[in-house]
N, C-alpha and C. Protein backbone atom coordinates (compact mmCIF):
# COMPACT_ATOMS: atom_id res chain seq x y z
N MET A 1 0.83 -1.14 -0.09
CA MET A 1 0.27 -0.06 0.14
C MET A 1 0.81 1.36 0.06
N GLN A 2 0.66 2.10 -0.76
CA GLN A 2 1.44 3.22 -1.23
C GLN A 2 0.44 4.45 -0.12
N LEU A 3 1.26 5.44 0.45
CA LEU A 3 0.60 6.35 1.30
C LEU A 3 -0.31 7.05 0.82
N THR A 4 -0.22 7.23 -0.69
CA THR A 4 -1.30 7.95 -1.61
C THR A 4 -2.64 7.09 -1.49
N ASP A 5 -2.36 5.77 -1.53
CA ASP A 5 -3.55 4.89 -1.47
C ASP A 5 -4.55 4.77 -0.48
N MET A 6 -4.08 5.43 0.54
CA MET A 6 -4.41 5.37 2.12
C MET A 6 -6.14 5.85 2.02
N VAL A 7 -6.68 6.71 1.38
CA VAL A 7 -7.69 7.01 1.30
C VAL A 7 -8.86 5.99 0.75
N ALA A 8 -8.83 5.46 -0.18
CA ALA A 8 -9.13 4.20 -0.22
C ALA A 8 -9.04 3.01 0.29
N ALA A 9 -8.23 2.51 1.08
CA ALA A 9 -7.82 1.47 2.21
C ALA A 9 -8.55 2.08 3.48
N GLU A 10 -8.46 3.46 3.65
CA GLU A 10 -9.32 3.91 4.96
C GLU A 10 -10.86 3.62 4.80
N GLN A 11 -11.31 3.76 3.45
CA GLN A 11 -12.71 3.61 3.37
C GLN A 11 -13.37 2.00 3.42
N GLN A 12 -12.10 1.24 2.80
CA GLN A 12 -12.73 -0.13 2.97
C GLN A 12 -12.37 -0.83 4.45
N VAL A 13 -11.68 -0.18 5.53
CA VAL A 13 -11.38 -0.65 6.69
C VAL A 13 -12.65 -0.04 7.34
N ARG A 14 -13.46 1.10 6.96
CA ARG A 14 -14.37 1.63 7.42
C ARG A 14 -15.65 0.61 7.60
N ASP A 15 -15.63 0.33 6.29
CA ASP A 15 -16.67 -0.73 5.89
C ASP A 15 -16.60 -2.24 6.67
N ASP A 16 -15.39 -2.48 6.85
CA ASP A 16 -14.89 -3.79 7.24
C ASP A 16 -15.23 -3.59 8.95
N ALA A 17 -14.92 -2.49 9.52
CA ALA A 17 -15.17 -2.22 10.97
C ALA A 17 -16.46 -2.19 11.06
N ALA A 18 -17.11 -1.48 10.19
CA ALA A 18 -18.81 -1.13 10.65
C ALA A 18 -19.41 -2.38 10.55
N ALA A 19 -19.04 -3.48 9.55
CA ALA A 19 -19.74 -4.99 9.44
C ALA A 19 -19.04 -5.76 10.49
N ALA A 20 -18.31 -5.38 11.44
CA ALA A 20 -17.47 -6.50 12.14
C ALA A 20 -17.16 -7.71 11.58
N ARG A 21 -16.49 -7.78 10.29
CA ARG A 21 -16.21 -8.78 8.99
C ARG A 21 -15.28 -9.50 10.13
N PRO A 22 -15.22 -10.73 10.30
CA PRO A 22 -14.43 -11.51 11.16
C PRO A 22 -12.96 -11.35 10.77
N GLU A 23 -12.72 -11.40 9.38
CA GLU A 23 -11.19 -11.41 9.08
C GLU A 23 -10.50 -9.76 9.58
N PHE A 24 -11.38 -8.92 9.77
CA PHE A 24 -11.09 -7.67 10.30
C PHE A 24 -10.80 -7.54 11.69
N THR A 25 -11.88 -8.27 12.27
CA THR A 25 -11.79 -8.24 13.68
C THR A 25 -10.75 -9.09 14.04
N ALA A 26 -10.25 -10.12 13.47
CA ALA A 26 -8.96 -10.69 13.80
C ALA A 26 -7.63 -10.09 13.46
N PHE A 27 -7.74 -9.69 12.55
CA PHE A 27 -6.74 -8.38 12.15
C PHE A 27 -6.24 -7.59 13.39
N LEU A 28 -7.52 -6.84 13.77
CA LEU A 28 -7.63 -5.43 14.67
C LEU A 28 -7.15 -6.33 15.94
N ASP A 29 -7.58 -7.44 16.43
CA ASP A 29 -7.25 -8.01 17.53
C ASP A 29 -5.73 -8.58 17.65
N GLY A 30 -5.49 -8.75 16.28
CA GLY A 30 -3.57 -9.06 16.18
C GLY A 30 -2.95 -7.98 16.78
N PHE A 31 -3.18 -6.87 15.74
CA PHE A 31 -2.48 -5.63 16.18
C PHE A 31 -2.55 -5.10 17.65
N ARG A 32 -3.67 -5.19 18.07
CA ARG A 32 -3.57 -4.64 19.50
C ARG A 32 -2.81 -5.40 20.38
N HIS A 33 -2.23 -6.54 20.19
CA HIS A 33 -1.52 -7.64 21.02
C HIS A 33 -0.11 -7.61 20.40
N ARG A 34 0.23 -7.00 19.20
CA ARG A 34 1.46 -7.30 19.08
C ARG A 34 2.33 -5.75 19.07
N THR A 35 3.75 -6.20 19.34
CA THR A 35 4.51 -4.96 19.45
C THR A 35 5.01 -4.54 17.98
N VAL A 36 4.80 -3.21 17.58
CA VAL A 36 5.14 -2.64 16.32
C VAL A 36 6.36 -1.89 16.54
N LEU A 37 6.96 -1.33 15.28
CA LEU A 37 8.24 -0.44 15.28
C LEU A 37 7.78 0.83 14.98
N VAL A 38 7.70 1.98 16.04
CA VAL A 38 7.23 3.22 15.44
C VAL A 38 8.51 4.31 15.10
N PRO A 39 8.91 4.69 13.86
CA PRO A 39 9.73 5.51 14.15
C PRO A 39 9.76 6.96 14.68
N LEU A 40 11.01 7.53 14.86
CA LEU A 40 10.79 8.83 15.55
C LEU A 40 11.31 9.74 14.73
N ASP A 41 10.86 10.91 14.67
CA ASP A 41 11.17 12.11 13.71
C ASP A 41 12.25 12.71 14.06
N ASP A 42 12.97 13.82 13.41
CA ASP A 42 14.26 14.38 13.75
C ASP A 42 14.01 15.23 15.04
N GLN A 43 12.67 15.41 15.59
CA GLN A 43 12.45 16.07 16.66
C GLN A 43 12.00 15.26 17.89
N GLY A 44 12.43 13.98 17.99
CA GLY A 44 12.13 13.10 18.84
C GLY A 44 10.68 12.51 18.95
N GLY A 45 9.63 13.23 18.47
CA GLY A 45 8.41 12.84 18.31
C GLY A 45 7.87 11.49 17.58
N ILE A 46 6.90 10.95 17.61
CA ILE A 46 6.34 9.94 16.75
C ILE A 46 6.24 10.65 15.05
N TRP A 47 6.90 9.29 14.63
CA TRP A 47 6.96 10.02 12.96
C TRP A 47 5.79 9.77 12.37
N SER A 48 5.15 10.70 11.62
CA SER A 48 3.54 10.67 11.12
C SER A 48 3.57 11.66 9.63
N ALA A 49 2.40 11.20 9.04
CA ALA A 49 2.21 11.64 8.11
C ALA A 49 1.00 12.37 8.12
N GLU A 50 0.51 13.58 7.32
CA GLU A 50 -0.80 14.09 7.09
C GLU A 50 -1.23 13.92 5.72
N LEU A 51 -2.37 13.17 5.80
CA LEU A 51 -3.14 12.88 4.79
C LEU A 51 -4.64 13.11 4.73
N GLY A 52 -5.15 13.64 3.98
CA GLY A 52 -6.75 13.66 3.86
C GLY A 52 -7.06 14.22 5.23
N GLY A 53 -6.61 15.08 5.68
CA GLY A 53 -7.06 15.85 7.31
C GLY A 53 -6.79 14.85 8.14
N ILE A 54 -6.03 13.87 7.96
CA ILE A 54 -5.83 12.65 9.38
C ILE A 54 -4.34 12.63 9.56
N ARG A 55 -3.93 12.86 10.63
CA ARG A 55 -2.54 12.54 10.84
C ARG A 55 -2.14 10.99 11.18
N TRP A 56 -1.65 10.36 10.45
CA TRP A 56 -1.07 8.91 10.43
C TRP A 56 0.08 8.47 11.11
N ILE A 57 -0.07 8.03 11.96
CA ILE A 57 1.19 7.33 12.69
C ILE A 57 1.87 6.07 11.90
N LEU A 58 2.92 6.00 11.47
CA LEU A 58 3.63 5.15 10.69
C LEU A 58 4.32 4.26 11.80
N ALA A 59 3.79 2.96 11.50
CA ALA A 59 4.14 1.80 12.14
C ALA A 59 4.64 0.73 11.24
N PHE A 60 5.46 -0.45 12.04
CA PHE A 60 5.99 -1.49 11.22
C PHE A 60 5.81 -2.60 11.95
N SER A 61 5.64 -3.58 11.06
CA SER A 61 5.58 -4.93 11.61
C SER A 61 7.09 -5.41 12.33
N ASP A 62 8.17 -5.27 11.63
CA ASP A 62 9.20 -5.65 11.89
C ASP A 62 10.28 -4.84 11.26
N VAL A 63 11.79 -4.86 11.65
CA VAL A 63 12.87 -4.30 10.88
C VAL A 63 12.79 -4.36 9.59
N LYS A 64 12.57 -5.51 8.89
CA LYS A 64 12.77 -5.54 7.48
C LYS A 64 11.62 -4.77 6.74
N SER A 65 10.48 -4.51 7.73
CA SER A 65 9.41 -3.84 6.62
C SER A 65 9.93 -2.46 6.74
N LEU A 66 10.37 -1.71 8.02
CA LEU A 66 10.89 -0.54 8.27
C LEU A 66 12.10 -0.19 7.15
N ALA A 67 12.88 -1.27 7.18
CA ALA A 67 14.03 -0.83 6.22
C ALA A 67 13.53 -0.74 4.63
N ARG A 68 12.50 -1.58 4.06
CA ARG A 68 11.96 -1.18 2.90
C ARG A 68 11.77 -0.21 2.62
N PHE A 69 10.73 0.30 3.45
CA PHE A 69 10.01 1.91 3.51
C PHE A 69 11.19 2.71 3.58
N ALA A 70 12.12 2.64 4.29
CA ALA A 70 13.41 3.79 4.52
C ALA A 70 13.92 3.65 3.25
N LYS A 71 14.36 2.35 2.24
CA LYS A 71 15.03 2.60 1.26
C LYS A 71 14.18 3.27 -0.15
N LYS A 72 12.66 3.03 0.18
CA LYS A 72 12.06 3.77 -1.03
C LYS A 72 11.96 5.34 -0.89
N GLY A 73 12.30 5.84 0.50
CA GLY A 73 12.10 7.36 0.65
C GLY A 73 10.47 7.38 0.92
N SER A 74 10.48 8.81 0.97
CA SER A 74 9.15 9.15 1.00
C SER A 74 8.52 10.58 0.61
N ASP A 75 7.62 10.64 0.55
CA ASP A 75 6.77 11.90 -0.39
C ASP A 75 6.80 12.96 0.46
N ALA A 76 7.61 13.92 0.59
CA ALA A 76 7.62 15.33 1.42
C ALA A 76 5.97 16.01 1.09
N GLU A 77 5.46 15.96 0.14
CA GLU A 77 4.34 16.80 -0.21
C GLU A 77 3.17 16.22 0.78
N ILE A 78 3.42 15.06 1.40
CA ILE A 78 2.33 14.54 2.43
C ILE A 78 2.56 14.82 3.84
N GLY A 79 3.53 15.93 4.33
CA GLY A 79 3.72 16.38 5.50
C GLY A 79 4.56 15.53 6.02
N ILE A 80 5.68 14.74 5.95
CA ILE A 80 6.40 14.01 6.74
C ILE A 80 7.93 14.58 6.98
N ARG A 81 8.04 14.69 8.29
CA ARG A 81 9.32 15.28 8.66
C ARG A 81 10.43 14.14 8.45
N GLN A 82 11.42 14.63 8.48
CA GLN A 82 12.68 13.69 8.28
C GLN A 82 12.76 12.85 9.67
N PRO A 83 13.14 11.31 9.16
CA PRO A 83 13.01 10.63 10.25
C PRO A 83 14.47 10.82 11.23
N ALA A 84 14.64 10.45 12.48
CA ALA A 84 15.60 10.53 13.17
C ALA A 84 16.55 9.31 12.56
N THR A 85 17.93 9.82 12.66
CA THR A 85 18.82 8.64 12.45
C THR A 85 19.68 8.12 13.38
N SER A 86 20.34 7.46 13.35
CA SER A 86 21.38 6.68 14.14
C SER A 86 22.23 6.07 13.56
N GLU A 87 23.59 6.16 13.89
CA GLU A 87 24.74 5.27 13.38
C GLU A 87 25.26 4.68 14.27
N GLU A 88 25.35 3.08 13.72
CA GLU A 88 25.89 1.95 14.43
C GLU A 88 26.36 1.14 13.64
N GLU A 89 27.79 0.66 14.16
CA GLU A 89 28.65 -0.11 13.30
C GLU A 89 28.58 0.34 11.84
N GLY A 90 28.97 1.72 11.68
CA GLY A 90 29.12 2.23 10.42
C GLY A 90 27.91 2.02 9.49
N LYS A 91 26.72 1.79 10.03
CA LYS A 91 25.39 1.84 9.25
C LYS A 91 24.74 2.87 9.81
N GLN A 92 23.99 3.46 8.70
CA GLN A 92 23.05 4.49 9.36
C GLN A 92 21.60 3.84 9.39
N GLY A 93 21.07 4.23 10.63
CA GLY A 93 19.48 3.81 10.49
C GLY A 93 18.65 4.78 11.03
N TRP A 94 17.25 4.42 11.18
CA TRP A 94 16.16 5.16 11.70
C TRP A 94 15.82 4.80 13.27
N GLU A 95 15.77 5.76 13.63
CA GLU A 95 15.47 5.33 15.31
C GLU A 95 14.03 5.29 15.45
N TYR A 96 13.89 4.19 16.42
CA TYR A 96 12.36 3.89 16.58
C TYR A 96 12.14 3.35 18.08
N ARG A 97 10.98 3.22 18.16
CA ARG A 97 10.59 2.84 19.48
C ARG A 97 9.64 1.64 19.18
N LYS A 98 9.70 0.61 20.24
CA LYS A 98 8.96 -0.55 20.08
C LYS A 98 7.55 -0.09 21.23
N VAL A 99 6.38 -0.02 20.60
CA VAL A 99 5.21 -0.02 21.04
C VAL A 99 3.97 -0.98 20.98
N GLN A 100 3.42 -1.46 21.97
CA GLN A 100 2.23 -2.61 21.54
C GLN A 100 1.00 -1.60 20.84
N GLY A 101 0.38 -2.26 20.02
CA GLY A 101 -0.64 -1.90 18.96
C GLY A 101 -1.61 -1.19 20.19
N TRP A 102 -2.12 -2.04 21.17
CA TRP A 102 -3.20 -1.45 21.85
C TRP A 102 -2.46 -0.10 22.40
N ARG A 103 -1.84 0.07 22.99
CA ARG A 103 -1.17 1.55 23.50
C ARG A 103 -1.58 2.62 22.37
N LEU A 104 -1.04 2.22 20.93
CA LEU A 104 -1.07 3.23 20.19
C LEU A 104 -2.62 3.73 20.02
N LEU A 105 -3.49 2.82 19.83
CA LEU A 105 -4.82 2.65 19.44
C LEU A 105 -5.53 3.69 20.83
N ASP A 106 -5.48 3.09 22.02
CA ASP A 106 -6.18 3.39 22.88
C ASP A 106 -5.66 4.67 24.06
N SER A 107 -4.09 4.87 23.73
CA SER A 107 -3.62 5.93 24.49
C SER A 107 -2.91 7.15 23.76
N VAL A 108 -1.94 6.68 22.56
CA VAL A 108 -1.35 7.53 21.97
C VAL A 108 -2.03 8.64 21.08
N ILE A 109 -3.24 7.87 20.09
CA ILE A 109 -4.10 8.37 19.41
C ILE A 109 -5.21 9.57 20.25
N PRO A 110 -5.54 9.09 21.21
CA PRO A 110 -6.64 9.90 21.72
C PRO A 110 -5.93 11.26 22.36
N ALA A 111 -4.45 10.91 22.56
CA ALA A 111 -3.57 11.98 23.28
C ALA A 111 -3.23 13.15 21.99
N ALA A 112 -3.33 12.49 20.79
CA ALA A 112 -2.92 13.30 19.72
C ALA A 112 -3.69 14.68 19.83
N GLY A 113 -4.65 14.67 20.04
CA GLY A 113 -5.54 16.21 20.03
C GLY A 113 -6.35 16.44 18.47
N ARG A 114 -6.09 15.51 17.74
CA ARG A 114 -6.63 15.67 16.47
C ARG A 114 -6.84 14.40 15.85
N PRO A 115 -7.45 14.22 14.65
CA PRO A 115 -7.89 13.08 14.04
C PRO A 115 -6.43 12.27 13.77
N CYS A 116 -6.48 10.89 14.29
CA CYS A 116 -5.21 10.58 13.93
C CYS A 116 -5.28 8.71 13.77
N GLY A 117 -4.90 8.11 12.84
CA GLY A 117 -4.83 6.89 12.72
C GLY A 117 -3.41 6.38 12.69
N VAL A 118 -3.49 4.90 12.43
CA VAL A 118 -2.11 3.95 12.28
C VAL A 118 -2.09 3.46 10.77
N ALA A 119 -1.06 3.75 9.93
CA ALA A 119 -0.70 3.16 8.75
C ALA A 119 0.58 1.82 9.07
N LEU A 120 -0.06 0.78 9.12
CA LEU A 120 1.03 -0.17 9.42
C LEU A 120 1.51 -0.55 8.00
N ASP A 121 2.96 -1.03 8.16
CA ASP A 121 3.75 -1.05 6.84
C ASP A 121 3.53 -0.35 5.64
N ALA A 122 3.61 0.76 5.62
CA ALA A 122 3.15 1.52 4.37
C ALA A 122 4.12 1.34 3.57
N GLY A 123 3.72 1.73 2.31
CA GLY A 123 4.56 1.15 1.04
C GLY A 123 4.84 -0.15 0.72
N SER A 124 4.00 -1.16 1.58
CA SER A 124 4.24 -2.57 1.11
C SER A 124 3.06 -3.06 0.88
N ALA A 125 2.87 -4.12 -0.26
CA ALA A 125 1.87 -4.53 -0.75
C ALA A 125 0.75 -4.75 0.43
N GLY A 126 1.03 -5.45 1.56
CA GLY A 126 0.40 -5.88 2.71
C GLY A 126 0.22 -4.90 3.70
N GLY A 127 0.37 -3.69 3.18
CA GLY A 127 0.10 -2.70 4.17
C GLY A 127 -1.18 -2.37 4.93
N LYS A 128 -1.81 -1.91 5.96
CA LYS A 128 -2.87 -1.76 6.23
C LYS A 128 -3.10 -0.42 6.93
N VAL A 129 -4.26 0.05 7.19
CA VAL A 129 -4.54 1.46 7.78
C VAL A 129 -5.69 1.15 8.96
N LEU A 130 -5.72 1.64 10.12
CA LEU A 130 -6.42 1.73 10.91
C LEU A 130 -6.93 3.11 11.22
N PRO A 131 -7.98 3.44 10.55
CA PRO A 131 -8.34 4.98 10.87
C PRO A 131 -8.86 5.10 12.02
N PRO A 132 -9.19 6.90 12.53
CA PRO A 132 -9.62 7.18 13.50
C PRO A 132 -11.28 7.02 13.69
N VAL A 133 -11.85 5.85 13.51
CA VAL A 133 -13.26 5.45 13.60
C VAL A 133 -13.63 4.60 14.61
N ALA A 134 -14.83 4.44 15.19
CA ALA A 134 -15.63 3.61 16.34
C ALA A 134 -15.18 2.08 16.02
N GLY A 135 -14.90 1.39 17.09
CA GLY A 135 -14.42 0.23 16.93
C GLY A 135 -13.11 0.09 16.67
N ILE A 136 -12.13 1.04 16.31
CA ILE A 136 -10.84 0.86 16.26
C ILE A 136 -10.15 1.74 17.50
N VAL A 137 -10.47 2.95 17.65
CA VAL A 137 -10.05 3.77 18.80
C VAL A 137 -11.05 4.59 19.71
N PRO A 138 -10.62 4.56 20.91
CA PRO A 138 -11.77 5.16 21.75
C PRO A 138 -13.00 6.08 21.04
N ASP A 139 -14.14 6.11 21.52
CA ASP A 139 -15.04 6.97 20.79
C ASP A 139 -14.43 8.34 20.86
N ARG A 140 -13.71 8.95 21.90
CA ARG A 140 -13.49 10.20 22.10
C ARG A 140 -12.44 10.84 21.00
N ALA A 141 -11.99 9.67 20.35
CA ALA A 141 -10.97 9.98 19.52
C ALA A 141 -11.22 9.85 17.88
N THR A 142 -12.53 9.71 17.78
CA THR A 142 -12.75 9.21 16.13
C THR A 142 -13.20 10.41 15.61
N LEU A 143 -12.98 10.38 14.22
CA LEU A 143 -13.42 11.47 13.21
C LEU A 143 -14.72 12.21 13.89
N ASP A 144 -15.84 11.45 14.06
CA ASP A 144 -17.08 11.85 14.20
C ASP A 144 -17.13 12.74 15.54
N ALA A 145 -16.13 12.22 16.49
CA ALA A 145 -16.09 12.94 17.51
C ALA A 145 -15.47 14.31 17.53
N TYR A 146 -14.48 14.42 16.54
CA TYR A 146 -13.72 15.76 16.28
C TYR A 146 -14.98 16.63 15.46
N ALA A 147 -15.53 16.33 14.63
CA ALA A 147 -16.66 16.99 13.82
C ALA A 147 -17.68 17.29 14.53
N THR A 148 -17.85 16.74 15.67
CA THR A 148 -19.19 17.11 16.41
C THR A 148 -18.64 18.07 17.63
N GLY A 149 -17.47 18.17 17.84
CA GLY A 149 -16.75 18.82 18.97
C GLY A 149 -16.67 18.20 20.14
N VAL A 150 -16.83 17.05 20.32
CA VAL A 150 -16.82 16.02 21.73
C VAL A 150 -15.66 15.19 21.74
N ALA A 151 -14.60 15.60 20.86
CA ALA A 151 -13.50 14.76 20.80
C ALA A 151 -12.65 14.70 22.30
N ASN A 152 -12.14 13.82 22.61
CA ASN A 152 -11.43 13.62 23.71
C ASN A 152 -12.01 14.10 25.02
N ARG A 153 -13.35 14.31 25.25
CA ARG A 153 -13.94 14.60 26.42
C ARG A 153 -14.13 13.29 26.95
N ARG A 154 -13.88 13.18 28.36
CA ARG A 154 -13.93 12.00 29.29
C ARG A 154 -15.36 12.01 29.55
N THR A 155 -15.78 10.46 29.31
CA THR A 155 -17.13 10.35 29.68
C THR A 155 -17.52 9.51 31.03
């Protein structure tokens, strides 16, 4: 999935989540229980991209997926800051943090203060998106909550 294909992928995920399709439910449950790699940007924050009015946290299943994306580069037109880099053993790599999927969805996204989703393994054929919609993120962090002005209110 290319980052620019995320709009179509987001709509498909919305449909899957709304229908509670078994395949999507299993994927979401698996994501919540796995550790993903989240690159850091050049300012030490979570690396993300702006697309379609949503901030997308870029997360990767493993180091190989992250390395493939890094080799391809990124599109500056979609609002991605430079990733933080480090050098070890003469090789330059991207700095990242290991994060549990549930923590991204239940803690990090609501704390963003704006519509925010996760793009898992962006740039790969098996990439997936988890948009800020009901059933994926807490109700207070959904697009609908932001649209109605009730975003992030504690209930």
